[in-house]
Protein backbone atom coordinates (compact mmCIF):
# COMPACT_ATOMS: atom_id res chain seq x y z
CA MET A 1 -74.71 62.61 63.39
CA LYS A 2 -72.48 61.38 59.95
CA ARG A 3 -72.04 57.79 59.95
CA TRP A 4 -69.60 55.44 58.23
CA GLU A 5 -70.12 53.88 54.88
CA ARG A 6 -69.96 49.84 55.27
CA TYR A 7 -68.64 47.51 52.27
CA SER A 8 -67.65 43.98 52.22
CA ILE A 9 -65.66 42.41 49.39
CA GLU A 10 -68.49 41.05 47.70
CA SER A 11 -70.47 44.21 47.95
CA LEU A 12 -67.51 46.27 46.58
CA ALA A 13 -67.23 43.97 43.49
CA ARG A 14 -70.93 44.83 43.11
CA GLY A 15 -70.24 48.54 43.46
CA GLU A 16 -72.95 48.79 46.47
CA GLN A 17 -73.07 49.05 50.02
CA ASP A 18 -72.88 45.95 52.73
CA ALA A 19 -74.98 47.10 55.74
CA ARG A 20 -73.18 44.50 57.57
CA GLY A 21 -69.79 44.37 56.00
CA PRO A 22 -66.72 45.12 57.92
CA ILE A 23 -64.82 47.44 55.95
CA PHE A 24 -65.91 51.48 56.94
CA LEU A 25 -65.46 54.61 54.67
CA SER A 26 -65.60 58.26 55.61
CA PRO A 27 -63.92 61.27 54.74
CA LYS A 28 -61.87 60.43 57.90
CA GLY A 29 -60.44 57.33 56.10
CA GLN A 30 -61.11 53.80 55.93
CA ARG A 31 -61.22 50.94 58.84
CA GLU A 32 -61.16 47.11 58.60
CA LEU A 33 -63.35 45.92 61.68
CA GLN A 34 -63.05 42.28 60.90
CA GLY A 35 -61.37 41.55 64.23
CA ILE A 36 -64.43 42.59 66.10
CA LYS A 37 -66.22 39.63 67.27
CA LEU A 38 -69.75 39.91 68.17
CA LEU A 39 -69.92 36.49 70.59
CA ASN A 40 -73.52 37.07 72.59
CA ALA A 41 -76.38 39.59 72.19
CA GLY A 42 -78.60 38.60 74.91
CA VAL A 43 -81.24 39.88 77.81
CA ASP A 44 -79.14 39.69 81.18
CA THR A 45 -81.70 40.37 83.28
CA VAL A 46 -85.41 40.68 83.74
CA ARG A 47 -87.05 42.44 86.42
CA GLN A 48 -91.46 41.91 86.21
CA LEU A 49 -93.53 44.01 88.56
CA TYR A 50 -97.39 42.82 89.13
CA ILE A 51 -99.92 44.67 90.78
CA GLY A 52 -102.14 42.40 92.62
CA MET A 53 -104.45 41.94 95.66
CA PRO A 54 -102.26 39.36 98.14
CA CYS A 55 -103.31 35.92 98.85
CA MET A 56 -103.29 36.34 102.41
CA TYR A 57 -102.72 32.69 103.06
CA GLN A 58 -99.76 32.32 100.48
CA PHE A 59 -98.25 35.53 102.27
CA ASP A 60 -98.92 34.38 105.74
CA MET A 61 -97.58 30.72 104.96
CA ILE A 62 -94.40 32.47 103.77
CA ILE A 63 -93.97 35.03 106.65
CA GLU A 64 -94.24 32.06 108.78
CA ALA A 65 -91.02 30.34 107.55
CA TYR A 66 -89.24 33.75 107.60
CA GLN A 67 -89.80 33.69 111.45
CA GLN A 68 -88.21 30.63 111.92
CA GLY A 69 -84.79 32.56 111.27
CA ARG A 70 -82.09 32.75 108.75
CA GLY A 71 -81.68 29.85 106.27
CA ALA A 72 -85.43 28.96 106.47
CA THR A 73 -86.75 27.05 103.16
CA ILE A 74 -90.32 26.63 101.68
CA GLU A 75 -91.49 24.67 98.86
CA LEU A 76 -93.40 26.21 96.63
CA PHE A 77 -94.46 26.32 92.77
CA ASP A 78 -92.67 22.88 92.64
CA THR A 79 -89.43 24.51 93.94
CA THR A 80 -87.66 24.89 97.12
CA TRP A 81 -86.48 28.64 98.16
CA ILE A 82 -84.76 30.52 100.87
CA VAL A 83 -87.11 32.90 102.50
CA ALA A 84 -85.33 35.85 103.44
CA ALA A 85 -85.61 39.91 103.95
CA GLY A 86 -86.21 42.16 101.30
CA SER A 87 -83.04 44.75 101.05
CA ALA A 88 -83.90 48.51 101.99
CA SER A 89 -83.36 49.47 98.30
CA SER A 90 -85.79 46.68 96.88
CA GLY A 91 -88.87 48.39 97.96
CA PHE A 92 -89.93 45.17 99.04
CA ARG A 93 -89.97 43.63 102.53
CA TYR A 94 -89.38 39.86 102.00
CA ARG A 95 -87.89 37.65 99.26
CA LEU A 96 -87.27 34.10 97.95
CA GLN A 97 -84.74 33.07 96.34
CA ASN A 98 -83.11 29.91 94.27
CA ASN A 99 -79.90 30.92 93.00
CA ASP A 100 -79.52 27.21 91.33
CA LEU A 101 -82.56 28.23 89.28
CA GLY A 102 -82.00 32.02 88.76
CA VAL A 103 -84.93 33.58 90.25
CA ILE A 104 -85.63 35.74 93.35
CA VAL A 105 -89.34 36.56 94.11
CA LEU A 106 -89.66 39.88 95.95
CA PHE A 107 -93.09 40.73 97.60
CA TYR A 108 -95.28 42.72 100.00
CA ALA A 109 -94.40 46.57 99.25
CA ARG A 110 -92.96 48.46 101.76
CA HIS A 111 -95.03 51.54 101.29
CA GLN A 112 -98.69 49.64 100.57
CA LYS A 113 -100.90 48.28 103.00
CA VAL A 114 -100.42 44.36 102.38
CA ASP A 115 -104.61 44.08 102.27
CA THR A 116 -104.72 46.31 99.43
CA LEU A 117 -104.39 46.50 95.78
CA GLY A 118 -100.50 47.50 95.10
CA THR A 119 -97.49 46.52 93.37
CA HIS A 120 -97.17 43.53 95.70
CA VAL A 121 -94.95 41.15 93.73
CA LYS A 122 -91.85 41.67 91.83
CA ILE A 123 -89.96 38.44 90.17
CA GLU A 124 -86.19 38.70 88.66
CA LEU A 125 -84.38 36.69 86.09
CA SER A 126 -80.87 35.58 86.40
CA PRO A 127 -79.09 35.36 83.14
CA HIS A 128 -78.69 31.27 82.90
CA PHE A 129 -82.48 31.24 84.04
CA ILE A 130 -83.20 33.28 80.62
CA GLN A 131 -80.46 31.73 78.61
CA GLU A 132 -81.90 28.22 79.11
CA ARG A 133 -85.78 29.13 77.96
CA THR A 134 -87.54 31.04 75.48
CA PRO A 135 -89.28 34.48 76.51
CA GLU A 136 -92.55 32.95 76.61
CA ALA A 137 -91.34 30.10 79.08
CA CYS A 138 -89.96 32.82 81.09
CA GLN A 139 -93.02 34.73 81.11
CA ALA A 140 -95.26 31.82 81.72
CA PHE A 141 -93.09 30.68 84.75
CA MET A 142 -93.27 34.69 86.45
CA ASP A 143 -97.10 34.66 85.50
CA ASN A 144 -97.65 31.53 87.17
CA ILE A 145 -95.57 32.95 90.31
CA ALA A 146 -97.90 35.96 90.45
CA LYS A 147 -101.13 34.20 90.09
CA HIS A 148 -100.42 31.93 93.20
CA MET A 149 -99.19 35.11 95.37
CA LEU A 150 -102.21 37.71 93.87
CA ALA A 151 -105.79 38.09 93.03
CA TYR A 152 -106.59 40.60 90.33
CA VAL A 153 -102.83 40.51 88.61
CA GLN A 154 -101.76 43.17 86.65
CA PHE A 155 -98.82 43.47 84.62
CA ALA A 156 -97.07 46.82 86.15
CA GLY A 157 -93.86 46.81 83.48
CA CYS A 158 -90.58 45.25 83.34
CA ALA A 159 -87.33 46.55 83.63
CA ILE A 160 -84.87 44.42 81.41
CA HIS A 161 -80.77 44.59 80.58
CA LEU A 162 -79.58 44.02 77.14
CA ALA A 163 -76.07 42.61 77.20
CA LEU A 164 -73.31 42.42 74.17
CA ASP A 165 -70.53 40.61 74.60
CA VAL A 166 -67.78 41.10 72.15
CA GLN A 167 -63.93 40.18 71.56
CA GLY A 168 -61.43 42.21 69.52
CA TRP A 169 -62.81 45.41 71.29
CA GLU A 170 -62.34 47.18 74.49
CA PRO A 171 -62.36 50.99 75.67
CA PRO A 172 -59.73 52.99 73.82
CA ASN A 173 -57.54 55.20 76.33
CA ASP A 174 -58.93 58.04 75.44
CA PHE A 175 -62.55 56.58 75.88
CA MET A 176 -63.96 59.39 78.13
CA ASP A 177 -62.84 61.91 76.07
CA ARG A 178 -64.89 60.80 73.28
CA PHE A 179 -67.72 59.47 74.74
CA VAL A 180 -71.13 61.09 74.69
CA THR A 181 -74.12 61.57 77.39
CA ARG A 182 -76.43 63.90 78.77
CA SER A 183 -76.20 61.66 82.06
CA LYS A 184 -74.79 63.59 85.35
CA LYS A 185 -73.74 60.39 87.19
CA VAL A 186 -70.40 58.71 85.44
CA MET A 187 -68.45 56.10 87.45
CA ARG A 188 -64.91 55.06 86.60
CA ILE A 189 -63.80 52.21 88.41
CA ASN A 190 -59.82 51.69 87.31
CA GLY A 191 -59.58 48.31 88.31
CA ILE A 192 -61.56 45.10 89.11
CA ASP A 193 -60.80 42.16 91.13
CA ASN A 194 -64.33 41.53 92.12
CA LEU A 195 -67.78 42.45 90.80
CA THR A 196 -71.05 41.94 91.80
CA PHE A 197 -74.62 43.45 90.93
CA ASP A 198 -77.27 44.10 93.13
CA HIS A 199 -80.55 45.95 92.20
CA GLY A 200 -78.22 48.26 89.47
CA ASN A 201 -75.66 49.19 91.93
CA ILE A 202 -72.03 47.91 91.64
CA ALA A 203 -70.19 46.66 94.24
CA THR A 204 -66.40 46.34 93.75
CA THR A 205 -62.36 46.15 94.63
CA TYR A 206 -60.32 48.10 93.03
CA GLY A 207 -57.49 46.89 90.75
CA ARG A 208 -57.00 48.18 87.04
CA ASN A 209 -59.25 50.51 85.09
CA GLU A 210 -62.09 47.75 84.06
CA THR A 211 -65.18 49.29 84.14
CA LEU A 212 -67.11 52.42 82.87
CA MET A 213 -71.02 53.06 84.32
CA PHE A 214 -73.06 55.97 83.25
CA GLY A 215 -76.56 56.68 84.29
CA THR A 216 -78.32 55.72 87.42
CA ALA A 217 -80.27 52.49 87.97
CA GLY A 218 -84.04 54.04 87.83
CA ALA A 219 -83.24 55.39 84.14
CA LEU A 220 -81.58 53.97 81.22
CA GLN A 221 -78.25 53.38 82.66
CA CYS A 222 -74.94 52.33 80.45
CA CYS A 223 -72.17 50.10 82.03
CA ILE A 224 -68.88 48.98 80.14
CA TYR A 225 -66.61 46.26 81.77
CA ASN A 226 -64.60 43.27 81.27
CA LYS A 227 -66.84 40.27 81.29
CA THR A 228 -64.19 37.92 81.67
CA LEU A 229 -62.55 39.28 84.80
CA GLN A 230 -66.37 39.36 86.27
CA ALA A 231 -67.25 36.08 85.07
CA LYS A 232 -64.16 34.75 86.95
CA ALA A 233 -65.05 36.76 90.03
CA THR A 234 -68.24 35.30 90.38
CA ASP A 235 -67.35 31.56 89.49
CA LYS A 236 -69.19 31.95 86.44
CA LEU A 237 -66.95 31.62 83.67
CA HIS A 238 -67.86 27.88 82.55
CA PHE A 239 -71.13 29.57 81.75
CA TRP A 240 -70.18 31.99 79.47
CA GLU A 241 -67.85 30.34 77.77
CA GLY A 242 -70.81 27.57 76.98
CA ILE A 243 -72.76 30.83 75.82
CA TRP A 244 -69.50 32.28 73.78
CA GLN A 245 -68.32 29.06 72.14
CA GLN A 246 -71.61 28.98 70.25
CA ALA A 247 -70.68 32.22 68.53
CA PRO A 248 -70.02 31.30 64.73
CA GLY A 249 -66.42 31.98 63.36
CA ASP A 250 -65.26 32.38 59.82
CA GLU A 251 -64.60 29.31 58.75
CA PRO A 252 -67.08 26.63 59.05
CA PHE A 253 -67.42 24.61 62.06
CA THR A 254 -65.26 26.98 64.07
CA SER A 255 -66.09 29.57 66.79
CA ALA A 256 -65.25 32.84 67.26
CA TYR A 257 -64.45 32.63 70.67
CA ASP A 258 -60.82 33.15 71.83
CA PRO A 259 -60.36 31.65 74.88
CA GLU A 260 -57.01 33.69 75.47
CA ARG A 261 -58.31 36.71 74.82
CA ASP A 262 -60.74 38.61 77.07
CA VAL A 263 -64.43 39.43 76.49
CA TRP A 264 -65.95 42.97 76.97
CA ARG A 265 -69.28 43.43 77.79
CA ILE A 266 -71.30 46.67 76.93
CA GLU A 267 -74.55 46.24 78.80
CA MET A 268 -77.66 48.46 78.50
CA ARG A 269 -80.44 48.67 81.44
CA PHE A 270 -83.70 49.72 80.72
CA HIS A 271 -85.50 50.99 84.04
CA GLN A 272 -89.55 50.20 83.58
CA SER A 273 -90.17 53.95 83.42
CA VAL A 274 -87.89 54.10 80.82
CA LEU A 275 -89.78 51.10 78.40
CA ARG A 276 -92.87 52.97 79.22
CA GLU A 277 -91.52 56.38 77.73
CA PHE A 278 -90.20 54.20 74.46
CA ALA A 279 -93.88 52.67 74.50
CA GLN A 280 -95.57 55.90 74.25
CA GLY A 281 -93.15 57.36 71.79
CA ILE A 282 -93.58 58.20 67.89
CA PRO A 283 -92.98 57.24 65.53
CA CYS A 284 -91.98 53.68 65.62
CA ASN A 285 -91.80 52.56 61.96
CA VAL A 286 -90.62 55.51 60.10
CA ASP A 287 -91.87 54.40 56.94
CA THR A 288 -95.15 53.66 58.27
CA GLY A 289 -95.78 56.16 61.10
CA GLU A 290 -96.99 52.64 62.87
CA VAL A 291 -96.44 53.19 67.07
CA ILE A 292 -95.93 50.86 69.52
CA ASP A 293 -99.83 49.87 70.79
CA ASP A 294 -100.09 51.85 74.00
CA ALA A 295 -102.83 49.31 75.13
CA HIS A 296 -100.08 47.14 76.23
CA GLY A 297 -97.46 48.93 76.03
CA PHE A 298 -94.12 47.47 77.57
CA HIS A 299 -96.00 46.11 80.63
CA ARG A 300 -94.59 42.36 80.30
CA PHE A 301 -91.52 41.18 79.07
CA THR A 302 -92.53 39.40 76.14
CA ASP A 303 -94.22 42.72 74.71
CA THR A 304 -90.48 43.90 74.37
CA VAL A 305 -89.19 40.95 72.58
CA PRO A 306 -89.81 42.00 68.94
CA HIS A 307 -88.14 45.49 70.05
CA LEU A 308 -84.90 44.68 71.75
CA THR A 309 -82.94 45.27 68.51
CA GLY A 310 -84.05 48.62 67.90
CA LEU A 311 -84.35 49.86 71.56
CA TRP A 312 -80.76 48.58 71.75
CA ARG A 313 -80.04 50.62 68.74
CA THR A 314 -81.36 53.57 70.15
CA ALA A 315 -79.74 53.27 73.32
CA LEU A 316 -76.38 53.05 71.73
CA GLN A 317 -76.97 56.44 70.08
CA THR A 318 -78.06 58.12 73.55
CA TYR A 319 -74.32 56.67 74.99
CA ARG A 320 -72.38 57.13 71.97
CA LEU A 321 -68.83 56.95 71.17
CA ASP A 322 -67.72 59.69 68.09
CA LEU A 323 -64.26 59.43 66.67
CA CYS A 324 -64.61 63.18 65.80
CA ARG A 325 -67.24 65.90 65.90
CA ASN A 326 -70.27 64.98 64.00
CA LEU A 327 -68.62 61.56 62.92
CA ILE A 328 -69.39 58.48 65.18
CA ASP A 329 -66.46 55.97 65.87
CA PRO A 330 -66.67 52.71 63.29
CA ALA A 331 -66.37 50.63 66.32
CA TRP A 332 -69.38 51.77 67.99
CA GLN A 333 -71.55 51.84 64.89
CA LEU A 334 -70.84 48.35 63.96
CA LEU A 335 -71.84 47.31 68.01
CA GLN A 336 -74.74 49.60 67.20
CA ASP A 337 -75.69 47.77 63.91
CA ASP A 338 -74.57 44.53 64.10
CA ALA A 339 -75.96 43.30 67.15
CA ARG A 340 -79.61 40.96 67.16
CA PHE A 341 -81.75 40.32 70.05
CA TYR A 342 -83.47 36.65 69.76
CA ALA A 343 -82.60 37.48 65.82
CA SER A 344 -85.02 40.14 65.74
CA GLU A 345 -84.76 43.03 63.33
CA PRO A 346 -85.04 46.66 64.12
CA HIS A 347 -88.22 48.01 63.58
CA GLY A 348 -87.58 51.47 63.05
CA LEU A 349 -86.38 53.99 65.32
CA TYR A 350 -87.52 54.63 69.14
CA LYS A 351 -88.32 57.40 70.81
CA ARG A 352 -89.26 58.51 74.23
CA ALA A 353 -92.34 60.30 74.98
CA ARG A 354 -91.71 62.86 77.44
CA LYS A 355 -94.25 65.74 78.24
CA ALA A 356 -93.30 69.06 76.88
CA PRO A 357 -92.52 71.70 79.19
CA GLY A 358 -95.56 73.88 79.86
CA LEU A 359 -97.51 71.44 78.00
CA GLY A 360 -100.86 69.18 79.43
CA ASN A 361 -99.95 70.36 82.74
CA GLU A 362 -100.58 74.13 82.80
CA LYS A 363 -103.02 73.64 85.69
CA ASN A 364 -100.77 72.02 87.76
CA VAL A 365 -98.06 74.25 87.23
CA CYS A 366 -100.01 77.43 87.85
CA LEU A 367 -101.27 76.19 91.43
CA ALA A 368 -97.88 74.98 92.27
CA PHE A 369 -96.43 78.68 91.27
CA GLY A 370 -99.60 80.22 93.44
CA ASN A 371 -99.27 78.11 96.36
CA LEU A 372 -95.05 78.80 96.68
CA VAL A 373 -95.23 82.56 95.94
CA SER A 374 -97.43 82.37 98.97
CA ILE A 375 -95.28 80.79 100.94
CA TYR A 376 -92.60 82.87 99.89
CA ALA A 377 -94.60 86.04 100.90
CA ARG A 378 -95.24 84.54 104.43
CA GLN A 379 -91.69 83.65 104.46
CA GLY A 380 -90.83 87.42 103.83
CA PHE A 381 -88.88 86.68 100.77
CA ARG A 382 -87.77 89.80 99.01
CA THR A 383 -88.39 89.38 94.89
CA HIS A 384 -84.81 88.23 94.08
CA GLU A 385 -85.22 85.46 96.94
CA ALA A 386 -88.27 84.17 95.19
CA VAL A 387 -87.00 84.25 91.65
CA ARG A 388 -84.07 82.29 92.70
CA TYR A 389 -85.88 79.70 94.49
CA LEU A 390 -88.17 79.29 91.60
CA GLN A 391 -85.38 78.43 89.44
CA ARG A 392 -84.39 75.94 91.77
CA SER A 393 -88.06 74.45 92.40
CA GLY A 394 -87.83 71.71 90.13
CA MET A 395 -90.76 73.17 87.90
CA TRP A 396 -88.49 76.43 86.33
CA GLU A 397 -88.45 74.79 82.95
CA ASP A 398 -92.45 74.35 83.18
CA LEU A 399 -92.86 77.77 84.59
CA ALA A 400 -90.47 79.63 82.13
CA GLU A 401 -92.09 77.99 78.98
CA TYR A 402 -95.77 78.57 80.39
CA TYR A 403 -95.12 82.09 81.04
CA ARG A 404 -93.13 82.12 77.92
CA ARG A 405 -95.63 81.71 75.37
CA ARG A 406 -97.60 84.07 76.82
CA GLY A 407 -95.44 86.86 75.62
CA ILE A 408 -93.85 87.40 79.05
CA ASP A 409 -90.33 87.55 79.20
CA SER A 410 -87.86 87.45 82.46
CA ALA A 411 -88.45 90.92 83.46
CA GLY A 412 -91.98 90.73 83.11
CA PHE A 413 -91.66 87.67 85.12
CA ARG A 414 -89.87 89.33 87.78
CA GLN A 415 -92.43 92.11 87.74
CA LEU A 416 -95.19 89.42 88.30
CA VAL A 417 -93.63 87.80 90.98
CA GLU A 418 -93.31 91.21 92.73
CA GLN A 419 -96.73 92.30 92.43
CA LYS A 420 -98.09 88.16 93.91
CA LEU A 421 -95.75 89.07 96.69
CA ILE A 422 -97.43 92.50 97.14
CA GLU A 423 -100.61 91.23 97.00
CA ARG A 424 -100.33 88.10 99.22
CA ARG A 425 -98.72 90.70 102.03
CA LEU A 426 -101.57 92.98 101.65
CA ILE A 427 -104.80 91.15 101.14
CA GLY A 428 -103.92 87.60 100.55
CA LYS A 429 -103.00 84.22 102.72
CA ALA A 430 -99.64 85.76 103.68
CA ALA A 431 -101.55 88.56 105.72
């Protein structure tokens, strides 16, 4: 993908490029993007998972308060909490919630026994909790709660939402035609009067074209929406205006924020499984070949902080707005390059490490293939049916690559399946 050359007036005078310049040049012409103002680049949400053995005294005390009925409260960790049931989508039975503080504690995993070691605690931090504290203070606060609720505490990964608030840019009318994504799930909402977030899902009422969302909550998700309207609907505009007004303007002692214009948000939501893949990716630093230490991975929020800017850049390459074939949109390039999270410079390129098809899991593929063929034979499937069902089994890519490396083409594979079906019917388990 070709990128625009960037210049500033000062760099043009020196005859060199400026990586943060507002003037963009390419064979497609020149663009001046001084009007795009980045008001805030920050972490919008943190979800930290903990593995451990539940402290039953603590759990029993909270559950006893829950049984008192709706609106029950409890004093824990020097804070007053509402005790309520966890939602079905959260994966936890109970929750402690304090909206004034901006923290939710989910505990007692639904699909694990309470007296066994497991992922029994998840702590969620809201934007205003994160904005008012350092990453180290956020981590220490969460760790303190986990150590009170669990024994043998281990960090089990975290999910983060990175958000960039901008003025002077909004999705163009042909956005969907030029937006590049591999995601099969796309949501376009033609207008919002109300917008709320709950475990990665969006609830809305309809009005105007204000939200675009790509991907699922269990992966890398991209959401672009009118933050001014959302902040008004949730009565958070005063809080966010206080953040945006801190963005420095072009002149000394001025703010870049214009209260008369809408603010748009580009938000990238990294599920813990995605961060785990990035932690195993190679290379991290393209000059030195350094990789992120897999001993810690991205198990804690503070582990991710030095890498947030690099992860942001990578996410905006995964979800990308192009001007035309092989050339990125200049505004998208600016959003990708200029955002700084906790003022960290990007360390290099980040890459998700996914297992190559048919590599490292040959034994599992062969066992699954053999067992499926036995079932197909027992069910009386014919060869063409067995092949079609294998293609829809979820392991077809691994299976095809396994036999492709052994010189077996599609005709040979079909013959192999036919032979295995006959063997199982005549002398095997299906006989």
